[in-house]
Amino acid sequence: MASISDWPERDKKWASRYMIAVAHPRVPSAAREERARELISSLHAADVSADVLFGDPVDIAREDVRALGTEEEAVAASEGGGLRQALAYTGTALTFLGASSALVMLTRGVWRTDIGVGPLWVVLGIAAAAIAANLAWTLFIAGRAGWTIGFGFGGIAVMLACVGIAANADPDHVLLADVPIWMLMIAMVLPGVAVLLVARAVPRLPLRSTWSDDEWLSRFRGAMRSRGISEKAAREHERSVRSATVGGDCYGEFGHPAVFARSLAADDSGAAVRRWRWSTSFGVGVPLMLCILISFTGSFGAWKEPAMLFLFVSSVVTGYMNWRHRPRGQEL
């Protein structure tokens, strides 16, 4: 996209707000680039400020997202992201957990600490659960139901195993003694940052264009369910597709299955509500589950109460924010 240096000096602040607001997953980078060039040319021709010529940058960006956004780009940036998107989700989760844990550490008011075997296993269990959850979510929105279930239950099993090992570990067994807090904080944040850097280096794959009908229909079913379309409606859509493609091919008739499923979900009044329920249940339930698991282990040491408080507050805040952004005009 056009860099901030390409904009007139007086409009750089306006341009910064616009460029941030228009950077939506549904808008192709080429379309954003072309639109930015159009705006810059208009500013040079009119010789007035962007505020006067265009108005509020966020409002203009929202209109451009609606006009330029495509379902294909949305799928390519999420459902079709593959390894790149999985790493991005995982890195974000690990960075958030690491940074949050580092902040919790500061509440103790000590600058050196011992690292016990029990707490280390709990941390590994939470990290494994976070990684598995994000991989499962990536697969879920891609319409891969079987792999989603496998990663989901696998993550829970690993987490429970780690917490079980921690509960039976010797609370007096110290792995590293007198570790500076600043080193521990860096160690907590570094893995997530490293994964995010790797994700940026992984090229984004183009959407798949070769499908057998069975493969297409399988992904279509999964994509419809992940977008919140009810089972009954999904069966009706599948029957319609089958009847419309007799003697033909599904991809040639309807395009990418996840793209087509998204377009159908946009016209389904209950799909947004179901997605909201799923995301709220996940965002509230996972921290609460971790909080309860930690409460039953005595191997978390002095970090037990701060960690439980953080997880509980995280659950409450997620529930509050999701409630504020619940789908409007629909019965929940």
C-alpha atoms as a PDB file:
ATOM      1  CA  MET A   1       0.000   0.000   0.000  1.00  0.00           C
ATOM      2  CA  ALA A   2       1.097   3.597  -0.534  1.00  0.00           C
ATOM      3  CA  SER A   3       3.390   4.643   2.285  1.00  0.00           C
ATOM      4  CA  ILE A   4       2.665   7.536   4.592  1.00  0.00           C
ATOM      5  CA  SER A   5       5.424   9.536   2.873  1.00  0.00           C
ATOM      6  CA  ASP A   6       3.370   9.613  -0.356  1.00  0.00           C
ATOM      7  CA  TRP A   7       0.652  11.694   1.279  1.00  0.00           C
ATOM      8  CA  PRO A   8       0.766  15.515   1.521  1.00  0.00           C
ATOM      9  CA  GLU A   9       2.486  16.670   4.697  1.00  0.00           C
ATOM     10  CA  ARG A  10      -0.652  18.270   6.149  1.00  0.00           C
ATOM     11  CA  ASP A  11      -2.661  15.049   5.666  1.00  0.00           C
ATOM     12  CA  LYS A  12      -0.253  12.517   7.183  1.00  0.00           C
ATOM     13  CA  LYS A  13      -2.244  12.249  10.428  1.00  0.00           C
ATOM     14  CA  TRP A  14      -5.484  11.739   8.462  1.00  0.00           C
ATOM     15  CA  ALA A  15      -3.769   9.197   6.231  1.00  0.00           C
ATOM     16  CA  SER A  16      -2.445   7.213   9.202  1.00  0.00           C
ATOM     17  CA  ARG A  17      -5.940   6.819  10.636  1.00  0.00           C
ATOM     18  CA  TYR A  18      -7.337   5.891   7.226  1.00  0.00           C
ATOM     19  CA  MET A  19      -4.637   3.322   6.452  1.00  0.00           C
ATOM     20  CA  ILE A  20      -5.145   1.583   9.790  1.00  0.00           C
ATOM     21  CA  ALA A  21      -8.941   1.487   9.419  1.00  0.00           C
ATOM     22  CA  VAL A  22      -8.918   0.245   5.802  1.00  0.00           C
ATOM     23  CA  ALA A  23      -6.442  -2.587   6.522  1.00  0.00           C
ATOM     24  CA  HIS A  24      -9.265  -5.128   6.743  1.00  0.00           C
ATOM     25  CA  PRO A  25      -8.795  -8.856   5.988  1.00  0.00           C
ATOM     26  CA  ARG A  26     -11.531  -8.656   3.356  1.00  0.00           C
ATOM     27  CA  VAL A  27      -9.803  -5.941   1.313  1.00  0.00           C
ATOM     28  CA  PRO A  28      -7.063  -7.102  -1.098  1.00  0.00           C
ATOM     29  CA  SER A  29      -3.785  -5.227  -0.734  1.00  0.00           C
ATOM     30  CA  ALA A  30      -3.844  -4.307  -4.432  1.00  0.00           C
ATOM     31  CA  ALA A  31      -7.270  -2.697  -4.004  1.00  0.00           C
ATOM     32  CA  ARG A  32      -6.054  -0.735  -0.967  1.00  0.00           C
ATOM     33  CA  GLU A  33      -3.032   0.436  -2.950  1.00  0.00           C
ATOM     34  CA  GLU A  34      -5.120   1.625  -5.877  1.00  0.00           C
ATOM     35  CA  ARG A  35      -7.636   3.377  -3.622  1.00  0.00           C
ATOM     36  CA  ALA A  36      -4.863   5.181  -1.728  1.00  0.00           C
ATOM     37  CA  ARG A  37      -3.418   6.430  -5.016  1.00  0.00           C
ATOM     38  CA  GLU A  38      -6.856   7.737  -6.017  1.00  0.00           C
ATOM     39  CA  LEU A  39      -7.209   9.636  -2.750  1.00  0.00           C
ATOM     40  CA  ILE A  40      -3.711  11.124  -3.006  1.00  0.00           C
ATOM     41  CA  SER A  41      -4.354  12.248  -6.603  1.00  0.00           C
ATOM     42  CA  SER A  42      -7.640  13.860  -5.560  1.00  0.00           C
ATOM     43  CA  LEU A  43      -5.898  15.750  -2.763  1.00  0.00           C
ATOM     44  CA  HIS A  44      -3.225  17.104  -5.116  1.00  0.00           C
ATOM     45  CA  ALA A  45      -5.854  18.132  -7.681  1.00  0.00           C
ATOM     46  CA  ALA A  46      -8.188  19.829  -5.181  1.00  0.00           C
ATOM     47  CA  ASP A  47      -5.361  21.397  -3.131  1.00  0.00           C
ATOM     48  CA  VAL A  48      -7.391  21.179   0.094  1.00  0.00           C
ATOM     49  CA  SER A  49      -6.919  19.107   3.236  1.00  0.00           C
ATOM     50  CA  ALA A  50      -8.223  15.562   3.481  1.00  0.00           C
ATOM     51  CA  ASP A  51     -10.550  16.543   6.319  1.00  0.00           C
ATOM     52  CA  VAL A  52     -12.253  19.081   4.079  1.00  0.00           C
ATOM     53  CA  LEU A  53     -12.345  16.951   0.937  1.00  0.00           C
ATOM     54  CA  PHE A  54     -13.185  13.532   2.376  1.00  0.00           C
ATOM     55  CA  GLY A  55     -14.358  14.034   5.946  1.00  0.00           C
ATOM     56  CA  ASP A  56     -13.661  11.580   8.762  1.00  0.00           C
ATOM     57  CA  PRO A  57     -10.992   9.022   7.746  1.00  0.00           C
ATOM     58  CA  VAL A  58     -12.609   6.148   9.666  1.00  0.00           C
ATOM     59  CA  ASP A  59     -15.951   6.715   7.922  1.00  0.00           C
ATOM     60  CA  ILE A  60     -14.240   6.785   4.522  1.00  0.00           C
ATOM     61  CA  ALA A  61     -12.326   3.609   5.376  1.00  0.00           C
ATOM     62  CA  ARG A  62     -15.530   1.808   6.376  1.00  0.00           C
ATOM     63  CA  GLU A  63     -17.142   2.726   3.069  1.00  0.00           C
ATOM     64  CA  ASP A  64     -14.064   1.516   1.192  1.00  0.00           C
ATOM     65  CA  VAL A  65     -14.061  -1.780   3.095  1.00  0.00           C
ATOM     66  CA  ARG A  66     -17.686  -2.337   2.099  1.00  0.00           C
ATOM     67  CA  ALA A  67     -16.970  -1.414  -1.526  1.00  0.00           C
ATOM     68  CA  LEU A  68     -13.629  -3.155  -1.975  1.00  0.00           C
ATOM     69  CA  GLY A  69     -13.937  -6.155   0.344  1.00  0.00           C
ATOM     70  CA  THR A  70     -14.400  -9.592  -1.156  1.00  0.00           C
ATOM     71  CA  GLU A  71     -15.268 -12.955   0.331  1.00  0.00           C
ATOM     72  CA  GLU A  72     -12.351 -14.483  -1.588  1.00  0.00           C
ATOM     73  CA  GLU A  73      -9.879 -12.221   0.187  1.00  0.00           C
ATOM     74  CA  ALA A  74     -11.518 -12.891   3.560  1.00  0.00           C
ATOM     75  CA  VAL A  75     -11.130 -16.623   3.023  1.00  0.00           C
ATOM     76  CA  ALA A  76      -7.563 -16.275   1.756  1.00  0.00           C
ATOM     77  CA  ALA A  77      -6.658 -14.314   4.889  1.00  0.00           C
ATOM     78  CA  SER A  78      -8.323 -16.746   7.296  1.00  0.00           C
ATOM     79  CA  GLU A  79      -9.824 -20.021   6.100  1.00  0.00           C
ATOM     80  CA  GLY A  80      -7.224 -20.345   3.362  1.00  0.00           C
ATOM     81  CA  GLY A  81      -4.320 -19.020   5.393  1.00  0.00           C
ATOM     82  CA  GLY A  82      -2.963 -22.468   6.109  1.00  0.00           C
ATOM     83  CA  LEU A  83       0.289 -22.624   8.040  1.00  0.00           C
ATOM     84  CA  ARG A  84       0.736 -18.831   7.994  1.00  0.00           C
ATOM     85  CA  GLN A  85      -2.613 -18.220   9.702  1.00  0.00           C
ATOM     86  CA  ALA A  86      -2.125 -21.068  12.166  1.00  0.00           C
ATOM     87  CA  LEU A  87       1.236 -19.637  13.216  1.00  0.00           C
ATOM     88  CA  ALA A  88      -0.228 -16.131  13.463  1.00  0.00           C
ATOM     89  CA  TYR A  89      -3.048 -17.329  15.757  1.00  0.00           C
ATOM     90  CA  THR A  90      -0.624 -19.367  17.860  1.00  0.00           C
ATOM     91  CA  GLY A  91       1.934 -16.569  18.129  1.00  0.00           C
ATOM     92  CA  THR A  92      -0.713 -14.065  19.171  1.00  0.00           C
ATOM     93  CA  ALA A  93      -2.028 -16.404  21.870  1.00  0.00           C
ATOM     94  CA  LEU A  94       1.449 -17.175  23.237  1.00  0.00           C
ATOM     95  CA  THR A  95       2.434 -13.497  23.226  1.00  0.00           C
ATOM     96  CA  PHE A  96      -0.739 -12.557  25.074  1.00  0.00           C
ATOM     97  CA  LEU A  97      -0.253 -15.308  27.632  1.00  0.00           C
ATOM     98  CA  GLY A  98       3.418 -14.443  28.079  1.00  0.00           C
ATOM     99  CA  ALA A  99       2.862 -10.705  28.427  1.00  0.00           C
ATOM    100  CA  SER A 100      -0.063 -11.210  30.796  1.00  0.00           C
ATOM    101  CA  SER A 101       1.926 -13.647  32.926  1.00  0.00           C
ATOM    102  CA  ALA A 102       4.814 -11.192  33.028  1.00  0.00           C
ATOM    103  CA  LEU A 103       2.486  -8.480  34.319  1.00  0.00           C
ATOM    104  CA  VAL A 104       1.124 -10.864  36.942  1.00  0.00           C
ATOM    105  CA  MET A 105       4.678 -11.512  38.106  1.00  0.00           C
ATOM    106  CA  LEU A 106       5.158  -7.826  38.832  1.00  0.00           C
ATOM    107  CA  THR A 107       2.277  -7.926  41.329  1.00  0.00           C
ATOM    108  CA  ARG A 108       4.409 -10.042  43.672  1.00  0.00           C
ATOM    109  CA  GLY A 109       6.898  -7.233  44.214  1.00  0.00           C
ATOM    110  CA  VAL A 110       9.961  -9.510  44.116  1.00  0.00           C
ATOM    111  CA  TRP A 111      12.861  -9.323  41.665  1.00  0.00           C
ATOM    112  CA  ARG A 112      14.208 -12.842  41.936  1.00  0.00           C
ATOM    113  CA  THR A 113      12.350 -16.131  42.157  1.00  0.00           C
ATOM    114  CA  ASP A 114      12.767 -19.890  42.111  1.00  0.00           C
ATOM    115  CA  ILE A 115      11.305 -21.990  39.311  1.00  0.00           C
ATOM    116  CA  GLY A 116       9.793 -25.218  40.562  1.00  0.00           C
ATOM    117  CA  VAL A 117       8.991 -28.319  38.559  1.00  0.00           C
ATOM    118  CA  GLY A 118       5.263 -28.158  39.365  1.00  0.00           C
ATOM    119  CA  PRO A 119       4.638 -24.596  38.124  1.00  0.00           C
ATOM    120  CA  LEU A 120       6.696 -25.304  35.016  1.00  0.00           C
ATOM    121  CA  TRP A 121       4.466 -28.258  34.092  1.00  0.00           C
ATOM    122  CA  VAL A 122       1.353 -26.105  34.606  1.00  0.00           C
ATOM    123  CA  VAL A 123       2.791 -23.420  32.328  1.00  0.00           C
ATOM    124  CA  LEU A 124       3.605 -26.040  29.685  1.00  0.00           C
ATOM    125  CA  GLY A 125       0.059 -27.393  29.962  1.00  0.00           C
ATOM    126  CA  ILE A 126      -1.489 -23.956  29.507  1.00  0.00           C
ATOM    127  CA  ALA A 127       0.794 -23.230  26.534  1.00  0.00           C
ATOM    128  CA  ALA A 128      -0.093 -26.586  24.956  1.00  0.00           C
ATOM    129  CA  ALA A 129      -3.798 -25.874  25.442  1.00  0.00           C
ATOM    130  CA  ALA A 130      -3.414 -22.422  23.861  1.00  0.00           C
ATOM    131  CA  ILE A 131      -1.538 -23.819  20.859  1.00  0.00           C
ATOM    132  CA  ALA A 132      -4.033 -26.663  20.366  1.00  0.00           C
ATOM    133  CA  ALA A 133      -6.999 -24.300  20.747  1.00  0.00           C
ATOM    134  CA  ASN A 134      -5.681 -21.919  18.093  1.00  0.00           C
ATOM    135  CA  LEU A 135      -4.827 -24.733  15.696  1.00  0.00           C
ATOM    136  CA  ALA A 136      -8.300 -26.182  16.259  1.00  0.00           C
ATOM    137  CA  TRP A 137      -9.878 -22.781  15.596  1.00  0.00           C
ATOM    138  CA  THR A 138      -7.863 -22.402  12.380  1.00  0.00           C
ATOM    139  CA  LEU A 139      -9.065 -25.807  11.215  1.00  0.00           C
ATOM    140  CA  PHE A 140     -12.626 -25.100  12.348  1.00  0.00           C
ATOM    141  CA  ILE A 141     -13.019 -21.938  10.287  1.00  0.00           C
ATOM    142  CA  ALA A 142     -11.452 -23.805   7.366  1.00  0.00           C
ATOM    143  CA  GLY A 143     -14.289 -26.335   7.584  1.00  0.00           C
ATOM    144  CA  ARG A 144     -12.139 -29.286   8.684  1.00  0.00           C
ATOM    145  CA  ALA A 145     -14.378 -30.712  11.398  1.00  0.00           C
ATOM    146  CA  GLY A 146     -12.474 -33.959  11.996  1.00  0.00           C
ATOM    147  CA  TRP A 147      -9.101 -32.305  12.520  1.00  0.00           C
ATOM    148  CA  THR A 148     -10.754 -29.653  14.703  1.00  0.00           C
ATOM    149  CA  ILE A 149     -12.082 -32.273  17.100  1.00  0.00           C
ATOM    150  CA  GLY A 150      -8.747 -34.100  17.119  1.00  0.00           C
ATOM    151  CA  PHE A 151      -6.706 -31.023  18.027  1.00  0.00           C
ATOM    152  CA  GLY A 152      -9.317 -29.840  20.513  1.00  0.00           C
ATOM    153  CA  PHE A 153      -9.429 -33.054  22.515  1.00  0.00           C
ATOM    154  CA  GLY A 154      -5.693 -33.545  22.091  1.00  0.00           C
ATOM    155  CA  GLY A 155      -5.003 -30.148  23.632  1.00  0.00           C
ATOM    156  CA  ILE A 156      -7.300 -30.842  26.557  1.00  0.00           C
ATOM    157  CA  ALA A 157      -5.653 -34.226  27.137  1.00  0.00           C
ATOM    158  CA  VAL A 158      -2.145 -32.743  27.132  1.00  0.00           C
ATOM    159  CA  MET A 159      -3.209 -29.931  29.464  1.00  0.00           C
ATOM    160  CA  LEU A 160      -4.824 -32.332  31.929  1.00  0.00           C
ATOM    161  CA  ALA A 161      -1.751 -34.561  31.811  1.00  0.00           C
ATOM    162  CA  CYS A 162       0.559 -31.610  32.549  1.00  0.00           C
ATOM    163  CA  VAL A 163      -1.617 -30.391  35.414  1.00  0.00           C
ATOM    164  CA  GLY A 164      -1.760 -33.961  36.776  1.00  0.00           C
ATOM    165  CA  ILE A 165       2.034 -34.236  36.696  1.00  0.00           C
ATOM    166  CA  ALA A 166       2.293 -30.839  38.409  1.00  0.00           C
ATOM    167  CA  ALA A 167      -0.138 -31.899  41.137  1.00  0.00           C
ATOM    168  CA  ASN A 168       2.033 -34.931  41.939  1.00  0.00           C
ATOM    169  CA  ALA A 169       5.367 -33.121  41.684  1.00  0.00           C
ATOM    170  CA  ASP A 170       7.454 -32.410  44.747  1.00  0.00           C
ATOM    171  CA  PRO A 171       6.638 -28.795  45.725  1.00  0.00           C
ATOM    172  CA  ASP A 172      10.141 -28.418  47.192  1.00  0.00           C
ATOM    173  CA  HIS A 173      11.897 -29.491  43.996  1.00  0.00           C
ATOM    174  CA  VAL A 174      13.464 -26.335  42.527  1.00  0.00           C
ATOM    175  CA  LEU A 175      14.617 -26.519  38.923  1.00  0.00           C
ATOM    176  CA  LEU A 176      16.292 -23.087  38.779  1.00  0.00           C
ATOM    177  CA  ALA A 177      17.017 -20.992  41.833  1.00  0.00           C
ATOM    178  CA  ASP A 178      17.207 -17.230  42.234  1.00  0.00           C
ATOM    179  CA  VAL A 179      16.256 -16.387  38.624  1.00  0.00           C
ATOM    180  CA  PRO A 180      16.000 -12.621  37.898  1.00  0.00           C
ATOM    181  CA  ILE A 181      12.419 -11.588  37.160  1.00  0.00           C
ATOM    182  CA  TRP A 182      13.408  -9.631  34.050  1.00  0.00           C
ATOM    183  CA  MET A 183      14.945 -12.751  32.511  1.00  0.00           C
ATOM    184  CA  LEU A 184      11.839 -14.770  33.281  1.00  0.00           C
ATOM    185  CA  MET A 185       9.604 -12.084  31.751  1.00  0.00           C
ATOM    186  CA  ILE A 186      11.641 -12.101  28.535  1.00  0.00           C
ATOM    187  CA  ALA A 187      11.511 -15.899  28.425  1.00  0.00           C
ATOM    188  CA  MET A 188       7.705 -15.746  28.705  1.00  0.00           C
ATOM    189  CA  VAL A 189       7.202 -13.253  25.870  1.00  0.00           C
ATOM    190  CA  LEU A 190       9.950 -14.403  23.499  1.00  0.00           C
ATOM    191  CA  PRO A 191       8.339 -17.647  22.190  1.00  0.00           C
ATOM    192  CA  GLY A 192       5.177 -15.876  21.030  1.00  0.00           C
ATOM    193  CA  VAL A 193       7.137 -13.089  19.346  1.00  0.00           C
ATOM    194  CA  ALA A 194       9.352 -15.649  17.621  1.00  0.00           C
ATOM    195  CA  VAL A 195       6.321 -17.534  16.278  1.00  0.00           C
ATOM    196  CA  LEU A 196       4.811 -14.270  14.975  1.00  0.00           C
ATOM    197  CA  LEU A 197       8.059 -13.452  13.148  1.00  0.00           C
ATOM    198  CA  VAL A 198       8.080 -16.908  11.579  1.00  0.00           C
ATOM    199  CA  ALA A 199       4.435 -16.437  10.544  1.00  0.00           C
ATOM    200  CA  ARG A 200       5.319 -13.221   8.715  1.00  0.00           C
ATOM    201  CA  ALA A 201       8.042 -15.050   6.789  1.00  0.00           C
ATOM    202  CA  VAL A 202       5.700 -17.824   5.626  1.00  0.00           C
ATOM    203  CA  PRO A 203       4.154 -16.948   2.234  1.00  0.00           C
ATOM    204  CA  ARG A 204       0.375 -16.912   2.002  1.00  0.00           C
ATOM    205  CA  LEU A 205      -0.880 -19.662  -0.253  1.00  0.00           C
ATOM    206  CA  PRO A 206      -3.433 -18.936  -3.002  1.00  0.00           C
ATOM    207  CA  LEU A 207      -6.887 -20.432  -2.655  1.00  0.00           C
ATOM    208  CA  ARG A 208      -7.123 -23.994  -3.832  1.00  0.00           C
ATOM    209  CA  SER A 209      -8.693 -24.342  -7.274  1.00  0.00           C
ATOM    210  CA  THR A 210      -8.679 -28.109  -7.854  1.00  0.00           C
ATOM    211  CA  TRP A 211     -11.408 -30.094  -6.105  1.00  0.00           C
ATOM    212  CA  SER A 212     -13.187 -33.372  -6.580  1.00  0.00           C
ATOM    213  CA  ASP A 213     -16.909 -33.113  -5.855  1.00  0.00           C
ATOM    214  CA  ASP A 214     -16.593 -35.224  -2.702  1.00  0.00           C
ATOM    215  CA  GLU A 215     -13.791 -33.051  -1.371  1.00  0.00           C
ATOM    216  CA  TRP A 216     -15.686 -29.885  -2.267  1.00  0.00           C
ATOM    217  CA  LEU A 217     -18.900 -31.025  -0.569  1.00  0.00           C
ATOM    218  CA  SER A 218     -17.046 -32.171   2.550  1.00  0.00           C
ATOM    219  CA  ARG A 219     -15.343 -28.790   2.938  1.00  0.00           C
ATOM    220  CA  PHE A 220     -18.606 -27.016   2.088  1.00  0.00           C
ATOM    221  CA  ARG A 221     -20.443 -28.829   4.892  1.00  0.00           C
ATOM    222  CA  GLY A 222     -17.723 -27.992   7.390  1.00  0.00           C
ATOM    223  CA  ALA A 223     -17.512 -24.363   6.273  1.00  0.00           C
ATOM    224  CA  MET A 224     -21.274 -23.881   6.566  1.00  0.00           C
ATOM    225  CA  ARG A 225     -21.301 -25.258  10.099  1.00  0.00           C
ATOM    226  CA  SER A 226     -18.292 -23.160  11.129  1.00  0.00           C
ATOM    227  CA  ARG A 227     -20.060 -20.030   9.855  1.00  0.00           C
ATOM    228  CA  GLY A 228     -23.085 -20.752  12.044  1.00  0.00           C
ATOM    229  CA  ILE A 229     -25.524 -22.178   9.485  1.00  0.00           C
ATOM    230  CA  SER A 230     -27.861 -24.629  11.184  1.00  0.00           C
ATOM    231  CA  GLU A 231     -27.662 -28.334  10.401  1.00  0.00           C
ATOM    232  CA  LYS A 232     -31.089 -28.309   8.747  1.00  0.00           C
ATOM    233  CA  ALA A 233     -30.251 -25.330   6.537  1.00  0.00           C
ATOM    234  CA  ALA A 234     -26.849 -26.824   5.699  1.00  0.00           C
ATOM    235  CA  ARG A 235     -28.510 -30.028   4.478  1.00  0.00           C
ATOM    236  CA  GLU A 236     -30.878 -27.967   2.299  1.00  0.00           C
ATOM    237  CA  HIS A 237     -27.989 -26.026   0.790  1.00  0.00           C
ATOM    238  CA  GLU A 238     -26.094 -29.246   0.107  1.00  0.00           C
ATOM    239  CA  ARG A 239     -29.103 -30.793  -1.605  1.00  0.00           C
ATOM    240  CA  SER A 240     -29.473 -27.679  -3.742  1.00  0.00           C
ATOM    241  CA  VAL A 241     -25.820 -27.830  -4.739  1.00  0.00           C
ATOM    242  CA  ARG A 242     -26.046 -31.520  -5.618  1.00  0.00           C
ATOM    243  CA  SER A 243     -29.134 -30.991  -7.766  1.00  0.00           C
ATOM    244  CA  ALA A 244     -27.579 -27.996  -9.527  1.00  0.00           C
ATOM    245  CA  THR A 245     -24.334 -29.788 -10.398  1.00  0.00           C
ATOM    246  CA  VAL A 246     -25.629 -32.987 -11.947  1.00  0.00           C
ATOM    247  CA  GLY A 247     -23.168 -33.783 -14.728  1.00  0.00           C
ATOM    248  CA  GLY A 248     -20.972 -30.810 -13.766  1.00  0.00           C
ATOM    249  CA  ASP A 249     -18.495 -29.946 -11.051  1.00  0.00           C
ATOM    250  CA  CYS A 250     -19.144 -28.101  -7.793  1.00  0.00           C
ATOM    251  CA  TYR A 251     -16.102 -25.856  -7.963  1.00  0.00           C
ATOM    252  CA  GLY A 252     -16.814 -24.791 -11.528  1.00  0.00           C
ATOM    253  CA  GLU A 253     -20.413 -23.952 -10.607  1.00  0.00           C
ATOM    254  CA  PHE A 254     -20.009 -22.335  -7.185  1.00  0.00           C
ATOM    255  CA  GLY A 255     -16.313 -21.523  -6.708  1.00  0.00           C
ATOM    256  CA  HIS A 256     -14.367 -22.131  -3.524  1.00  0.00           C
ATOM    257  CA  PRO A 257     -16.532 -23.967  -0.921  1.00  0.00           C
ATOM    258  CA  ALA A 258     -15.583 -21.708   2.007  1.00  0.00           C
ATOM    259  CA  VAL A 259     -16.246 -18.566  -0.041  1.00  0.00           C
ATOM    260  CA  PHE A 260     -19.660 -19.864  -1.070  1.00  0.00           C
ATOM    261  CA  ALA A 261     -20.446 -20.884   2.520  1.00  0.00           C
ATOM    262  CA  ARG A 262     -19.576 -17.380   3.779  1.00  0.00           C
ATOM    263  CA  SER A 263     -21.929 -15.795   1.252  1.00  0.00           C
ATOM    264  CA  LEU A 264     -24.736 -18.108   2.350  1.00  0.00           C
ATOM    265  CA  ALA A 265     -24.043 -17.355   6.029  1.00  0.00           C
ATOM    266  CA  ALA A 266     -24.263 -13.617   5.335  1.00  0.00           C
ATOM    267  CA  ASP A 267     -27.900 -14.139   4.301  1.00  0.00           C
ATOM    268  CA  ASP A 268     -28.702 -16.411   7.270  1.00  0.00           C
ATOM    269  CA  SER A 269     -30.249 -14.410  10.106  1.00  0.00           C
ATOM    270  CA  GLY A 270     -29.257 -16.909  12.802  1.00  0.00           C
ATOM    271  CA  ALA A 271     -25.671 -17.608  11.699  1.00  0.00           C
ATOM    272  CA  ALA A 272     -24.144 -14.524  13.348  1.00  0.00           C
ATOM    273  CA  VAL A 273     -25.893 -15.344  16.621  1.00  0.00           C
ATOM    274  CA  ARG A 274     -24.539 -18.886  16.636  1.00  0.00           C
ATOM    275  CA  ARG A 275     -21.010 -17.683  15.910  1.00  0.00           C
ATOM    276  CA  TRP A 276     -21.349 -15.160  18.744  1.00  0.00           C
ATOM    277  CA  ARG A 277     -22.484 -17.886  21.140  1.00  0.00           C
ATOM    278  CA  TRP A 278     -19.578 -20.137  20.175  1.00  0.00           C
ATOM    279  CA  SER A 279     -16.933 -17.425  20.518  1.00  0.00           C
ATOM    280  CA  THR A 280     -18.383 -16.243  23.844  1.00  0.00           C
ATOM    281  CA  SER A 281     -18.539 -19.764  25.255  1.00  0.00           C
ATOM    282  CA  PHE A 282     -14.951 -20.415  24.179  1.00  0.00           C
ATOM    283  CA  GLY A 283     -13.597 -17.080  25.425  1.00  0.00           C
ATOM    284  CA  VAL A 284     -15.333 -17.332  28.793  1.00  0.00           C
ATOM    285  CA  GLY A 285     -15.172 -21.077  29.356  1.00  0.00           C
ATOM    286  CA  VAL A 286     -11.490 -21.774  28.632  1.00  0.00           C
ATOM    287  CA  PRO A 287     -10.053 -19.285  31.197  1.00  0.00           C
ATOM    288  CA  LEU A 288     -12.567 -20.460  33.802  1.00  0.00           C
ATOM    289  CA  MET A 289     -11.624 -24.086  33.174  1.00  0.00           C
ATOM    290  CA  LEU A 290      -7.933 -23.259  33.568  1.00  0.00           C
ATOM    291  CA  CYS A 291      -8.696 -21.300  36.739  1.00  0.00           C
ATOM    292  CA  ILE A 292     -10.524 -24.275  38.235  1.00  0.00           C
ATOM    293  CA  LEU A 293      -7.744 -26.686  37.260  1.00  0.00           C
ATOM    294  CA  ILE A 294      -5.093 -24.487  38.872  1.00  0.00           C
ATOM    295  CA  SER A 295      -7.164 -24.243  42.057  1.00  0.00           C
ATOM    296  CA  PHE A 296      -6.836 -28.014  42.520  1.00  0.00           C
ATOM    297  CA  THR A 297      -3.066 -28.132  42.277  1.00  0.00           C
ATOM    298  CA  GLY A 298      -0.775 -27.156  45.107  1.00  0.00           C
ATOM    299  CA  SER A 299       2.292 -27.082  42.893  1.00  0.00           C
ATOM    300  CA  PHE A 300       1.706 -23.609  41.502  1.00  0.00           C
ATOM    301  CA  GLY A 301       3.391 -22.075  44.504  1.00  0.00           C
ATOM    302  CA  ALA A 302       3.127 -18.359  45.143  1.00  0.00           C
ATOM    303  CA  TRP A 303       1.811 -17.844  41.636  1.00  0.00           C
ATOM    304  CA  LYS A 304      -1.425 -19.701  42.299  1.00  0.00           C
ATOM    305  CA  GLU A 305      -3.606 -16.814  43.490  1.00  0.00           C
ATOM    306  CA  PRO A 306      -2.325 -14.232  40.937  1.00  0.00           C
ATOM    307  CA  ALA A 307      -2.749 -16.730  38.088  1.00  0.00           C
ATOM    308  CA  MET A 308      -6.282 -17.650  39.178  1.00  0.00           C
ATOM    309  CA  LEU A 309      -7.185 -13.970  39.522  1.00  0.00           C
ATOM    310  CA  PHE A 310      -5.832 -13.188  36.065  1.00  0.00           C
ATOM    311  CA  LEU A 311      -7.743 -16.051  34.436  1.00  0.00           C
ATOM    312  CA  PHE A 312     -10.975 -15.156  36.230  1.00  0.00           C
ATOM    313  CA  VAL A 313     -10.711 -11.477  35.287  1.00  0.00           C
ATOM    314  CA  SER A 314      -9.865 -12.466  31.695  1.00  0.00           C
ATOM    315  CA  SER A 315     -13.028 -14.572  31.544  1.00  0.00           C
ATOM    316  CA  VAL A 316     -15.192 -11.772  32.941  1.00  0.00           C
ATOM    317  CA  VAL A 317     -13.715  -9.135  30.620  1.00  0.00           C
ATOM    318  CA  THR A 318     -14.162 -11.392  27.574  1.00  0.00           C
ATOM    319  CA  GLY A 319     -17.777 -12.053  28.513  1.00  0.00           C
ATOM    320  CA  TYR A 320     -18.452  -8.328  29.007  1.00  0.00           C
ATOM    321  CA  MET A 321     -16.817  -7.313  25.702  1.00  0.00           C
ATOM    322  CA  ASN A 322     -18.617 -10.046  23.771  1.00  0.00           C
ATOM    323  CA  TRP A 323     -21.927  -8.994  25.293  1.00  0.00           C
ATOM    324  CA  ARG A 324     -21.317  -5.404  24.200  1.00  0.00           C
ATOM    325  CA  HIS A 325     -20.592  -6.601  20.648  1.00  0.00           C
ATOM    326  CA  ARG A 326     -23.426  -9.114  20.449  1.00  0.00           C
ATOM    327  CA  PRO A 327     -25.399  -9.266  17.193  1.00  0.00           C
ATOM    328  CA  ARG A 328     -28.043  -6.571  17.113  1.00  0.00           C
ATOM    329  CA  GLY A 329     -31.651  -7.155  16.208  1.00  0.00           C
ATOM    330  CA  GLN A 330     -31.455 -10.896  16.900  1.00  0.00           C
ATOM    331  CA  GLU A 331     -32.851 -12.936  19.742  1.00  0.00           C
ATOM    332  CA  LEU A 332     -29.969 -14.444  21.722  1.00  0.00           C
END
